[in-house]
PDB file of N, CA and C in Angstrom:
ATOM      1  N   UNK A   1      45.065   6.981  52.940  1.00  0.00           N
ATOM      2  CA  UNK A   1      44.213   8.159  52.836  1.00  0.00           C
ATOM      3  C   UNK A   1      45.078   9.403  53.027  1.00  0.00           C
ATOM      4  N   UNK A   2      45.061  10.289  52.110  1.00  0.00           N
ATOM      5  CA  UNK A   2      45.832  11.528  52.200  1.00  0.00           C
ATOM      6  C   UNK A   2      45.019  12.598  52.944  1.00  0.00           C
ATOM      7  N   UNK A   3      45.706  13.571  53.445  1.00  0.00           N
ATOM      8  CA  UNK A   3      45.069  14.691  54.135  1.00  0.00           C
ATOM      9  C   UNK A   3      44.248  15.516  53.148  1.00  0.00           C
ATOM     10  N   UNK A   4      43.071  15.933  53.584  1.00  0.00           N
ATOM     11  CA  UNK A   4      42.221  16.760  52.731  1.00  0.00           C
ATOM     12  C   UNK A   4      42.693  18.213  52.763  1.00  0.00           C
ATOM     13  N   UNK A   5      42.413  18.906  51.680  1.00  0.00           N
ATOM     14  CA  UNK A   5      42.749  20.324  51.597  1.00  0.00           C
ATOM     15  C   UNK A   5      42.013  21.108  52.682  1.00  0.00           C
ATOM     16  N   UNK A   6      40.778  20.713  52.969  1.00  0.00           N
ATOM     17  CA  UNK A   6      39.982  21.393  53.996  1.00  0.00           C
ATOM     18  C   UNK A   6      40.614  21.262  55.381  1.00  0.00           C
ATOM     19  N   UNK A   7      41.135  20.069  55.700  1.00  0.00           N
ATOM     20  CA  UNK A   7      41.771  19.887  57.010  1.00  0.00           C
ATOM     21  C   UNK A   7      43.058  20.697  57.084  1.00  0.00           C
ATOM     22  N   UNK A   8      43.826  20.706  56.014  1.00  0.00           N
ATOM     23  CA  UNK A   8      45.056  21.515  55.977  1.00  0.00           C
ATOM     24  C   UNK A   8      44.735  22.990  56.220  1.00  0.00           C
ATOM     25  N   UNK A   9      43.695  23.488  55.591  1.00  0.00           N
ATOM     26  CA  UNK A   9      43.292  24.878  55.773  1.00  0.00           C
ATOM     27  C   UNK A   9      42.801  25.142  57.193  1.00  0.00           C
ATOM     28  N   UNK A  10      42.111  24.172  57.782  1.00  0.00           N
ATOM     29  CA  UNK A  10      41.662  24.267  59.179  1.00  0.00           C
ATOM     30  C   UNK A  10      42.873  24.400  60.115  1.00  0.00           C
ATOM     31  N   UNK A  11      43.873  23.566  59.901  1.00  0.00           N
ATOM     32  CA  UNK A  11      45.091  23.612  60.726  1.00  0.00           C
ATOM     33  C   UNK A  11      45.791  24.960  60.549  1.00  0.00           C
ATOM     34  N   UNK A  12      45.907  25.418  59.327  1.00  0.00           N
ATOM     35  CA  UNK A  12      46.544  26.713  59.057  1.00  0.00           C
ATOM     36  C   UNK A  12      45.804  27.839  59.775  1.00  0.00           C
ATOM     37  N   UNK A  13      44.491  27.783  59.761  1.00  0.00           N
ATOM     38  CA  UNK A  13      43.670  28.795  60.427  1.00  0.00           C
ATOM     39  C   UNK A  13      43.883  28.774  61.941  1.00  0.00           C
ATOM     40  N   UNK A  14      43.924  27.586  62.517  1.00  0.00           N
ATOM     41  CA  UNK A  14      44.058  27.458  63.972  1.00  0.00           C
ATOM     42  C   UNK A  14      45.454  27.804  64.468  1.00  0.00           C
ATOM     43  N   UNK A  15      46.482  27.462  63.698  1.00  0.00           N
ATOM     44  CA  UNK A  15      47.864  27.701  64.137  1.00  0.00           C
ATOM     45  C   UNK A  15      48.426  29.027  63.639  1.00  0.00           C
ATOM     46  N   UNK A  16      47.769  29.644  62.691  1.00  0.00           N
ATOM     47  CA  UNK A  16      48.235  30.892  62.099  1.00  0.00           C
ATOM     48  C   UNK A  16      48.611  31.976  63.096  1.00  0.00           C
ATOM     49  N   UNK A  17      47.819  32.181  64.167  1.00  0.00           N
ATOM     50  CA  UNK A  17      48.159  33.239  65.124  1.00  0.00           C
ATOM     51  C   UNK A  17      49.471  33.015  65.884  1.00  0.00           C
ATOM     52  N   UNK A  18      50.081  31.830  65.760  1.00  0.00           N
ATOM     53  CA  UNK A  18      51.323  31.554  66.482  1.00  0.00           C
ATOM     54  C   UNK A  18      52.504  32.327  65.918  1.00  0.00           C
ATOM     55  N   UNK A  19      52.432  32.699  64.666  1.00  0.00           N
ATOM     56  CA  UNK A  19      53.567  33.383  64.050  1.00  0.00           C
ATOM     57  C   UNK A  19      53.816  32.861  62.665  1.00  0.00           C
ATOM     58  N   UNK A  20      55.062  32.687  62.326  1.00  0.00           N
ATOM     59  CA  UNK A  20      55.469  32.282  60.985  1.00  0.00           C
ATOM     60  C   UNK A  20      55.295  30.772  60.801  1.00  0.00           C
ATOM     61  N   UNK A  21      54.036  30.338  60.610  1.00  0.00           N
ATOM     62  CA  UNK A  21      53.728  28.925  60.367  1.00  0.00           C
ATOM     63  C   UNK A  21      53.841  28.663  58.872  1.00  0.00           C
ATOM     64  N   UNK A  22      54.565  27.608  58.525  1.00  0.00           N
ATOM     65  CA  UNK A  22      54.658  27.169  57.135  1.00  0.00           C
ATOM     66  C   UNK A  22      54.132  25.751  57.054  1.00  0.00           C
ATOM     67  N   UNK A  23      53.329  25.497  56.043  1.00  0.00           N
ATOM     68  CA  UNK A  23      52.806  24.156  55.793  1.00  0.00           C
ATOM     69  C   UNK A  23      53.248  23.773  54.389  1.00  0.00           C
ATOM     70  N   UNK A  24      54.158  22.810  54.331  1.00  0.00           N
ATOM     71  CA  UNK A  24      54.760  22.442  53.053  1.00  0.00           C
ATOM     72  C   UNK A  24      54.315  21.043  52.643  1.00  0.00           C
ATOM     73  N   UNK A  25      53.897  20.888  51.383  1.00  0.00           N
ATOM     74  CA  UNK A  25      53.451  19.569  50.923  1.00  0.00           C
ATOM     75  C   UNK A  25      54.593  18.569  50.851  1.00  0.00           C
ATOM     76  N   UNK A  26      54.247  17.304  51.166  1.00  0.00           N
ATOM     77  CA  UNK A  26      55.205  16.214  51.064  1.00  0.00           C
ATOM     78  C   UNK A  26      54.439  14.916  50.788  1.00  0.00           C
ATOM     79  N   UNK A  27      54.503  14.431  49.577  1.00  0.00           N
ATOM     80  CA  UNK A  27      53.909  13.152  49.186  1.00  0.00           C
ATOM     81  C   UNK A  27      52.450  13.003  49.643  1.00  0.00           C
ATOM     82  N   UNK A  28      51.627  13.974  49.382  1.00  0.00           N
ATOM     83  CA  UNK A  28      50.210  13.904  49.721  1.00  0.00           C
ATOM     84  C   UNK A  28      49.890  14.326  51.139  1.00  0.00           C
ATOM     85  N   UNK A  29      50.903  14.598  51.918  1.00  0.00           N
ATOM     86  CA  UNK A  29      50.721  15.052  53.289  1.00  0.00           C
ATOM     87  C   UNK A  29      51.426  16.406  53.427  1.00  0.00           C
ATOM     88  N   UNK A  30      51.578  16.881  54.671  1.00  0.00           N
ATOM     89  CA  UNK A  30      52.155  18.217  54.877  1.00  0.00           C
ATOM     90  C   UNK A  30      53.093  18.226  56.069  1.00  0.00           C
ATOM     91  N   UNK A  31      54.182  18.972  55.944  1.00  0.00           N
ATOM     92  CA  UNK A  31      55.116  19.193  57.047  1.00  0.00           C
ATOM     93  C   UNK A  31      54.808  20.544  57.676  1.00  0.00           C
ATOM     94  N   UNK A  32      54.935  20.623  59.003  1.00  0.00           N
ATOM     95  CA  UNK A  32      54.635  21.847  59.748  1.00  0.00           C
ATOM     96  C   UNK A  32      55.910  22.468  60.301  1.00  0.00           C
ATOM     97  N   UNK A  33      56.079  23.758  60.042  1.00  0.00           N
ATOM     98  CA  UNK A  33      57.233  24.523  60.517  1.00  0.00           C
ATOM     99  C   UNK A  33      56.740  25.755  61.266  1.00  0.00           C
ATOM    100  N   UNK A  34      57.449  26.112  62.307  1.00  0.00           N
ATOM    101  CA  UNK A  34      57.228  27.394  62.974  1.00  0.00           C
ATOM    102  C   UNK A  34      58.569  28.107  63.007  1.00  0.00           C
ATOM    103  N   UNK A  35      58.609  29.291  62.443  1.00  0.00           N
ATOM    104  CA  UNK A  35      59.851  30.072  62.355  1.00  0.00           C
ATOM    105  C   UNK A  35      61.000  29.242  61.787  1.00  0.00           C
ATOM    106  N   UNK A  36      60.689  28.427  60.790  1.00  0.00           N
ATOM    107  CA  UNK A  36      61.701  27.635  60.101  1.00  0.00           C
ATOM    108  C   UNK A  36      62.069  26.319  60.763  1.00  0.00           C
ATOM    109  N   UNK A  37      61.472  25.997  61.905  1.00  0.00           N
ATOM    110  CA  UNK A  37      61.782  24.753  62.613  1.00  0.00           C
ATOM    111  C   UNK A  37      60.696  23.717  62.319  1.00  0.00           C
ATOM    112  N   UNK A  38      61.088  22.564  61.775  1.00  0.00           N
ATOM    113  CA  UNK A  38      60.166  21.466  61.503  1.00  0.00           C
ATOM    114  C   UNK A  38      59.773  20.823  62.829  1.00  0.00           C
ATOM    115  N   UNK A  39      58.492  20.924  63.199  1.00  0.00           N
ATOM    116  CA  UNK A  39      58.055  20.361  64.481  1.00  0.00           C
ATOM    117  C   UNK A  39      57.041  19.239  64.331  1.00  0.00           C
ATOM    118  N   UNK A  40      56.498  19.039  63.152  1.00  0.00           N
ATOM    119  CA  UNK A  40      55.511  17.981  62.978  1.00  0.00           C
ATOM    120  C   UNK A  40      54.956  17.949  61.578  1.00  0.00           C
ATOM    121  N   UNK A  41      53.774  17.353  61.463  1.00  0.00           N
ATOM    122  CA  UNK A  41      53.156  17.247  60.154  1.00  0.00           C
ATOM    123  C   UNK A  41      51.680  16.945  60.259  1.00  0.00           C
ATOM    124  N   UNK A  42      51.046  16.985  59.112  1.00  0.00           N
ATOM    125  CA  UNK A  42      49.637  16.606  59.002  1.00  0.00           C
ATOM    126  C   UNK A  42      49.608  15.328  58.179  1.00  0.00           C
ATOM    127  N   UNK A  43      49.120  14.254  58.784  1.00  0.00           N
ATOM    128  CA  UNK A  43      49.096  12.941  58.152  1.00  0.00           C
ATOM    129  C   UNK A  43      47.686  12.362  58.290  1.00  0.00           C
ATOM    130  N   UNK A  44      47.056  12.049  57.175  1.00  0.00           N
ATOM    131  CA  UNK A  44      45.712  11.453  57.197  1.00  0.00           C
ATOM    132  C   UNK A  44      44.759  12.241  58.093  1.00  0.00           C
ATOM    133  N   UNK A  45      44.744  13.554  57.913  1.00  0.00           N
ATOM    134  CA  UNK A  45      43.885  14.455  58.695  1.00  0.00           C
ATOM    135  C   UNK A  45      44.147  14.363  60.201  1.00  0.00           C
ATOM    136  N   UNK A  46      45.407  14.145  60.571  1.00  0.00           N
ATOM    137  CA  UNK A  46      45.836  14.155  61.973  1.00  0.00           C
ATOM    138  C   UNK A  46      47.037  15.078  62.090  1.00  0.00           C
ATOM    139  N   UNK A  47      47.076  15.887  63.149  1.00  0.00           N
ATOM    140  CA  UNK A  47      48.249  16.721  63.424  1.00  0.00           C
ATOM    141  C   UNK A  47      49.144  15.931  64.371  1.00  0.00           C
ATOM    142  N   UNK A  48      50.335  15.613  63.898  1.00  0.00           N
ATOM    143  CA  UNK A  48      51.303  14.863  64.701  1.00  0.00           C
ATOM    144  C   UNK A  48      52.548  15.716  64.878  1.00  0.00           C
ATOM    145  N   UNK A  49      53.095  15.681  66.099  1.00  0.00           N
ATOM    146  CA  UNK A  49      54.296  16.454  66.386  1.00  0.00           C
ATOM    147  C   UNK A  49      55.405  15.526  66.858  1.00  0.00           C
ATOM    148  N   UNK A  50      56.621  15.976  66.656  1.00  0.00           N
ATOM    149  CA  UNK A  50      57.783  15.172  67.028  1.00  0.00           C
ATOM    150  C   UNK A  50      57.820  14.942  68.541  1.00  0.00           C
ATOM    151  N   UNK A  51      58.353  13.814  68.926  1.00  0.00           N
ATOM    152  CA  UNK A  51      58.539  13.466  70.335  1.00  0.00           C
ATOM    153  C   UNK A  51      59.847  14.082  70.813  1.00  0.00           C
ATOM    154  N   UNK A  52      59.780  14.841  71.904  1.00  0.00           N
ATOM    155  CA  UNK A  52      60.980  15.421  72.512  1.00  0.00           C
ATOM    156  C   UNK A  52      60.894  15.249  74.027  1.00  0.00           C
ATOM    157  N   UNK A  53      62.003  15.435  74.689  1.00  0.00           N
ATOM    158  CA  UNK A  53      62.013  15.359  76.155  1.00  0.00           C
ATOM    159  C   UNK A  53      61.156  16.463  76.768  1.00  0.00           C
ATOM    160  N   UNK A  54      61.018  17.581  76.064  1.00  0.00           N
ATOM    161  CA  UNK A  54      60.285  18.723  76.612  1.00  0.00           C
ATOM    162  C   UNK A  54      58.768  18.612  76.446  1.00  0.00           C
ATOM    163  N   UNK A  55      58.281  17.719  75.583  1.00  0.00           N
ATOM    164  CA  UNK A  55      56.829  17.613  75.438  1.00  0.00           C
ATOM    165  C   UNK A  55      56.254  16.316  76.015  1.00  0.00           C
ATOM    166  N   UNK A  56      57.078  15.509  76.651  1.00  0.00           N
ATOM    167  CA  UNK A  56      56.596  14.277  77.281  1.00  0.00           C
ATOM    168  C   UNK A  56      55.596  14.556  78.395  1.00  0.00           C
ATOM    169  N   UNK A  57      55.734  15.687  79.057  1.00  0.00           N
ATOM    170  CA  UNK A  57      54.896  16.026  80.208  1.00  0.00           C
ATOM    171  C   UNK A  57      53.415  16.176  79.852  1.00  0.00           C
ATOM    172  N   UNK A  58      53.088  16.303  78.575  1.00  0.00           N
ATOM    173  CA  UNK A  58      51.701  16.492  78.169  1.00  0.00           C
ATOM    174  C   UNK A  58      50.939  15.168  78.030  1.00  0.00           C
ATOM    175  N   UNK A  59      51.646  14.041  78.159  1.00  0.00           N
ATOM    176  CA  UNK A  59      51.026  12.712  78.137  1.00  0.00           C
ATOM    177  C   UNK A  59      50.097  12.500  76.942  1.00  0.00           C
ATOM    178  N   UNK A  60      50.587  12.813  75.762  1.00  0.00           N
ATOM    179  CA  UNK A  60      49.801  12.632  74.547  1.00  0.00           C
ATOM    180  C   UNK A  60      49.969  11.205  74.023  1.00  0.00           C
ATOM    181  N   UNK A  61      49.000  10.786  73.237  1.00  0.00           N
ATOM    182  CA  UNK A  61      49.053   9.464  72.615  1.00  0.00           C
ATOM    183  C   UNK A  61      50.038   9.480  71.457  1.00  0.00           C
ATOM    184  N   UNK A  62      50.798   8.406  71.326  1.00  0.00           N
ATOM    185  CA  UNK A  62      51.709   8.273  70.190  1.00  0.00           C
ATOM    186  C   UNK A  62      50.995   7.555  69.057  1.00  0.00           C
ATOM    187  N   UNK A  63      51.262   8.012  67.841  1.00  0.00           N
ATOM    188  CA  UNK A  63      50.717   7.382  66.643  1.00  0.00           C
ATOM    189  C   UNK A  63      51.800   7.345  65.579  1.00  0.00           C
ATOM    190  N   UNK A  64      51.652   6.415  64.658  1.00  0.00           N
ATOM    191  CA  UNK A  64      52.592   6.276  63.554  1.00  0.00           C
ATOM    192  C   UNK A  64      52.051   7.095  62.378  1.00  0.00           C
ATOM    193  N   UNK A  65      52.831   8.048  61.854  1.00  0.00           N
ATOM    194  CA  UNK A  65      52.325   8.873  60.750  1.00  0.00           C
ATOM    195  C   UNK A  65      52.135   8.095  59.448  1.00  0.00           C
ATOM    196  N   UNK A  66      53.048   7.147  59.179  1.00  0.00           N
ATOM    197  CA  UNK A  66      52.979   6.317  57.967  1.00  0.00           C
ATOM    198  C   UNK A  66      53.864   5.101  58.211  1.00  0.00           C
ATOM    199  N   UNK A  67      53.675   4.066  57.437  1.00  0.00           N
ATOM    200  CA  UNK A  67      54.413   2.814  57.615  1.00  0.00           C
ATOM    201  C   UNK A  67      55.924   3.060  57.622  1.00  0.00           C
ATOM    202  N   UNK A  68      56.583   2.522  58.622  1.00  0.00           N
ATOM    203  CA  UNK A  68      58.034   2.623  58.726  1.00  0.00           C
ATOM    204  C   UNK A  68      58.546   3.867  59.435  1.00  0.00           C
ATOM    205  N   UNK A  69      57.640   4.763  59.836  1.00  0.00           N
ATOM    206  CA  UNK A  69      58.054   6.009  60.503  1.00  0.00           C
ATOM    207  C   UNK A  69      58.111   5.818  62.016  1.00  0.00           C
ATOM    208  N   UNK A  70      58.839   6.712  62.665  1.00  0.00           N
ATOM    209  CA  UNK A  70      58.903   6.727  64.125  1.00  0.00           C
ATOM    210  C   UNK A  70      57.583   7.271  64.676  1.00  0.00           C
ATOM    211  N   UNK A  71      57.187   6.829  65.870  1.00  0.00           N
ATOM    212  CA  UNK A  71      55.960   7.362  66.476  1.00  0.00           C
ATOM    213  C   UNK A  71      56.076   8.864  66.741  1.00  0.00           C
ATOM    214  N   UNK A  72      54.939   9.517  66.669  1.00  0.00           N
ATOM    215  CA  UNK A  72      54.847  10.950  66.956  1.00  0.00           C
ATOM    216  C   UNK A  72      53.662  11.150  67.894  1.00  0.00           C
ATOM    217  N   UNK A  73      53.621  12.293  68.565  1.00  0.00           N
ATOM    218  CA  UNK A  73      52.483  12.611  69.417  1.00  0.00           C
ATOM    219  C   UNK A  73      51.373  13.228  68.592  1.00  0.00           C
ATOM    220  N   UNK A  74      50.140  12.844  68.925  1.00  0.00           N
ATOM    221  CA  UNK A  74      48.988  13.425  68.226  1.00  0.00           C
ATOM    222  C   UNK A  74      48.471  14.626  68.999  1.00  0.00           C
ATOM    223  N   UNK A  75      48.376  15.744  68.320  1.00  0.00           N
ATOM    224  CA  UNK A  75      47.841  16.976  68.894  1.00  0.00           C
ATOM    225  C   UNK A  75      46.347  16.992  68.597  1.00  0.00           C
ATOM    226  N   UNK A  76      45.553  16.735  69.628  1.00  0.00           N
ATOM    227  CA  UNK A  76      44.116  16.553  69.423  1.00  0.00           C
ATOM    228  C   UNK A  76      43.303  17.834  69.465  1.00  0.00           C
ATOM    229  N   UNK A  77      43.651  18.766  70.326  1.00  0.00           N
ATOM    230  CA  UNK A  77      42.775  19.912  70.578  1.00  0.00           C
ATOM    231  C   UNK A  77      43.316  21.189  69.958  1.00  0.00           C
ATOM    232  N   UNK A  78      43.058  21.379  68.682  1.00  0.00           N
ATOM    233  CA  UNK A  78      43.482  22.611  68.019  1.00  0.00           C
ATOM    234  C   UNK A  78      42.572  23.780  68.367  1.00  0.00           C
ATOM    235  N   UNK A  79      41.394  23.494  68.882  1.00  0.00           N
ATOM    236  CA  UNK A  79      40.466  24.555  69.270  1.00  0.00           C
ATOM    237  C   UNK A  79      40.980  25.321  70.488  1.00  0.00           C
ATOM    238  N   UNK A  80      41.757  24.644  71.337  1.00  0.00           N
ATOM    239  CA  UNK A  80      42.334  25.283  72.522  1.00  0.00           C
ATOM    240  C   UNK A  80      43.706  25.846  72.123  1.00  0.00           C
ATOM    241  N   UNK A  81      43.690  27.063  71.602  1.00  0.00           N
ATOM    242  CA  UNK A  81      44.906  27.665  71.052  1.00  0.00           C
ATOM    243  C   UNK A  81      46.032  27.732  72.073  1.00  0.00           C
ATOM    244  N   UNK A  82      45.724  28.125  73.318  1.00  0.00           N
ATOM    245  CA  UNK A  82      46.792  28.278  74.316  1.00  0.00           C
ATOM    246  C   UNK A  82      47.466  26.950  74.616  1.00  0.00           C
ATOM    247  N   UNK A  83      46.692  25.891  74.698  1.00  0.00           N
ATOM    248  CA  UNK A  83      47.264  24.576  74.950  1.00  0.00           C
ATOM    249  C   UNK A  83      48.105  24.111  73.762  1.00  0.00           C
ATOM    250  N   UNK A  84      47.569  24.227  72.556  1.00  0.00           N
ATOM    251  CA  UNK A  84      48.308  23.819  71.355  1.00  0.00           C
ATOM    252  C   UNK A  84      49.596  24.621  71.230  1.00  0.00           C
ATOM    253  N   UNK A  85      49.511  25.916  71.498  1.00  0.00           N
ATOM    254  CA  UNK A  85      50.685  26.795  71.416  1.00  0.00           C
ATOM    255  C   UNK A  85      51.759  26.345  72.402  1.00  0.00           C
ATOM    256  N   UNK A  86      51.365  26.059  73.636  1.00  0.00           N
ATOM    257  CA  UNK A  86      52.329  25.630  74.655  1.00  0.00           C
ATOM    258  C   UNK A  86      53.012  24.325  74.242  1.00  0.00           C
ATOM    259  N   UNK A  87      52.241  23.376  73.744  1.00  0.00           N
ATOM    260  CA  UNK A  87      52.799  22.088  73.325  1.00  0.00           C
ATOM    261  C   UNK A  87      53.780  22.282  72.165  1.00  0.00           C
ATOM    262  N   UNK A  88      53.403  23.064  71.190  1.00  0.00           N
ATOM    263  CA  UNK A  88      54.257  23.284  70.018  1.00  0.00           C
ATOM    264  C   UNK A  88      55.531  24.028  70.407  1.00  0.00           C
ATOM    265  N   UNK A  89      55.419  25.056  71.235  1.00  0.00           N
ATOM    266  CA  UNK A  89      56.616  25.797  71.648  1.00  0.00           C
ATOM    267  C   UNK A  89      57.543  24.932  72.493  1.00  0.00           C
ATOM    268  N   UNK A  90      56.991  24.073  73.356  1.00  0.00           N
ATOM    269  CA  UNK A  90      57.829  23.148  74.127  1.00  0.00           C
ATOM    270  C   UNK A  90      58.514  22.143  73.200  1.00  0.00           C
ATOM    271  N   UNK A  91      57.800  21.699  72.180  1.00  0.00           N
ATOM    272  CA  UNK A  91      58.380  20.773  71.208  1.00  0.00           C
ATOM    273  C   UNK A  91      59.556  21.429  70.492  1.00  0.00           C
ATOM    274  N   UNK A  92      59.360  22.644  70.039  1.00  0.00           N
ATOM    275  CA  UNK A  92      60.427  23.363  69.339  1.00  0.00           C
ATOM    276  C   UNK A  92      61.611  23.612  70.263  1.00  0.00           C
ATOM    277  N   UNK A  93      61.339  23.929  71.510  1.00  0.00           N
ATOM    278  CA  UNK A  93      62.421  24.112  72.480  1.00  0.00           C
ATOM    279  C   UNK A  93      63.246  22.823  72.602  1.00  0.00           C
ATOM    280  N   UNK A  94      62.569  21.698  72.665  1.00  0.00           N
ATOM    281  CA  UNK A  94      63.268  20.416  72.746  1.00  0.00           C
ATOM    282  C   UNK A  94      64.065  20.099  71.495  1.00  0.00           C
ATOM    283  N   UNK A  95      63.538  20.468  70.349  1.00  0.00           N
ATOM    284  CA  UNK A  95      64.253  20.222  69.088  1.00  0.00           C
ATOM    285  C   UNK A  95      65.500  21.099  68.989  1.00  0.00           C
ATOM    286  N   UNK A  96      65.441  22.292  69.506  1.00  0.00           N
ATOM    287  CA  UNK A  96      66.593  23.192  69.459  1.00  0.00           C
ATOM    288  C   UNK A  96      67.698  22.740  70.412  1.00  0.00           C
ATOM    289  N   UNK A  97      67.341  21.988  71.455  1.00  0.00           N
ATOM    290  CA  UNK A  97      68.330  21.522  72.430  1.00  0.00           C
ATOM    291  C   UNK A  97      69.072  20.288  71.958  1.00  0.00           C
ATOM    292  N   UNK A  98      68.595  19.638  70.905  1.00  0.00           N
ATOM    293  CA  UNK A  98      69.245  18.406  70.417  1.00  0.00           C
ATOM    294  C   UNK A  98      70.573  18.711  69.787  1.00  0.00           C
TER     295      UNK A  98
END
Protein backbone atom coordinates (compact mmCIF):
# COMPACT_ATOMS: atom_id res chain seq x y z
CA UNK A 1 0.00 0.00 0.00
CA UNK A 2 1.51 3.33 -1.02
CA UNK A 3 1.10 6.56 0.91
CA UNK A 4 -1.94 8.61 -0.07
CA UNK A 5 -1.59 12.13 -1.40
CA UNK A 6 -3.91 13.31 1.40
CA UNK A 7 -1.64 11.89 4.12
CA UNK A 8 1.43 13.44 2.49
CA UNK A 9 -0.33 16.82 2.47
CA UNK A 10 -1.36 16.34 6.12
CA UNK A 11 2.28 15.70 7.09
CA UNK A 12 3.44 18.72 5.09
CA UNK A 13 0.85 20.88 6.85
CA UNK A 14 1.83 19.66 10.32
CA UNK A 15 5.61 19.87 9.84
CA UNK A 16 5.65 22.98 7.66
CA UNK A 17 6.09 25.43 10.57
CA UNK A 18 9.43 23.76 11.43
CA UNK A 19 11.24 25.48 8.59
CA UNK A 20 12.59 24.26 5.29
CA UNK A 21 10.76 20.90 5.09
CA UNK A 22 11.12 19.03 1.81
CA UNK A 23 9.05 15.99 0.91
CA UNK A 24 10.51 14.16 -2.06
CA UNK A 25 8.84 11.24 -3.84
CA UNK A 26 10.58 7.87 -3.88
CA UNK A 27 8.97 4.76 -5.40
CA UNK A 28 5.42 5.57 -4.28
CA UNK A 29 6.53 6.83 -0.89
CA UNK A 30 8.22 10.03 0.32
CA UNK A 31 11.51 11.05 1.93
CA UNK A 32 11.51 13.80 4.58
CA UNK A 33 14.21 16.47 4.80
CA UNK A 34 14.64 19.42 7.12
CA UNK A 35 17.13 22.05 5.98
CA UNK A 36 18.56 19.51 3.53
CA UNK A 37 19.05 16.72 6.09
CA UNK A 38 17.26 13.41 5.39
CA UNK A 39 15.67 12.43 8.71
CA UNK A 40 12.90 10.03 7.75
CA UNK A 41 10.10 9.23 5.39
CA UNK A 42 6.43 8.59 4.87
CA UNK A 43 5.73 4.90 4.25
CA UNK A 44 2.23 3.42 3.93
CA UNK A 45 0.70 6.49 5.61
CA UNK A 46 3.17 6.28 8.52
CA UNK A 47 5.81 8.87 9.45
CA UNK A 48 9.03 7.02 10.26
CA UNK A 49 12.27 8.63 11.36
CA UNK A 50 15.81 7.33 11.45
CA UNK A 51 17.10 5.73 14.64
CA UNK A 52 19.88 7.73 16.31
CA UNK A 53 21.52 7.78 19.72
CA UNK A 54 19.91 11.18 20.35
CA UNK A 55 16.30 10.07 19.81
CA UNK A 56 16.36 6.80 21.78
CA UNK A 57 15.19 8.66 24.89
CA UNK A 58 11.70 9.09 23.40
CA UNK A 59 11.01 5.32 23.62
CA UNK A 60 9.19 5.13 20.29
CA UNK A 61 8.11 1.91 18.62
CA UNK A 62 10.32 0.61 15.83
CA UNK A 63 8.74 -0.39 12.53
CA UNK A 64 10.06 -1.62 9.21
CA UNK A 65 9.33 0.89 6.40
CA UNK A 66 9.50 -1.77 3.64
CA UNK A 67 10.83 -5.29 3.18
CA UNK A 68 14.59 -5.49 3.67
CA UNK A 69 14.93 -2.04 5.30
CA UNK A 70 16.38 -1.22 8.70
CA UNK A 71 13.88 -0.47 11.49
CA UNK A 72 12.88 3.14 12.02
CA UNK A 73 10.97 4.91 14.79
CA UNK A 74 7.33 5.73 14.17
CA UNK A 75 6.33 9.31 14.90
CA UNK A 76 2.75 8.94 16.06
CA UNK A 77 1.64 12.35 17.31
CA UNK A 78 1.92 14.96 14.58
CA UNK A 79 -0.84 16.98 16.25
CA UNK A 80 1.56 17.79 19.11
CA UNK A 81 3.86 20.10 17.15
CA UNK A 82 6.27 20.80 20.03
CA UNK A 83 6.82 17.11 20.70
CA UNK A 84 7.24 16.22 17.01
CA UNK A 85 9.61 19.17 16.56
CA UNK A 86 11.77 18.10 19.52
CA UNK A 87 11.99 14.51 18.25
CA UNK A 88 12.88 15.58 14.71
CA UNK A 89 15.49 18.12 15.83
CA UNK A 90 17.09 15.54 18.16
CA UNK A 91 17.13 13.06 15.27
CA UNK A 92 18.85 15.57 13.00
CA UNK A 93 21.34 16.40 15.73
CA UNK A 94 22.20 12.71 15.98
CA UNK A 95 22.56 12.38 12.21
CA UNK A 96 24.94 15.33 12.08
CA UNK A 97 27.15 13.74 14.77
CA UNK A 98 27.69 10.55 12.75
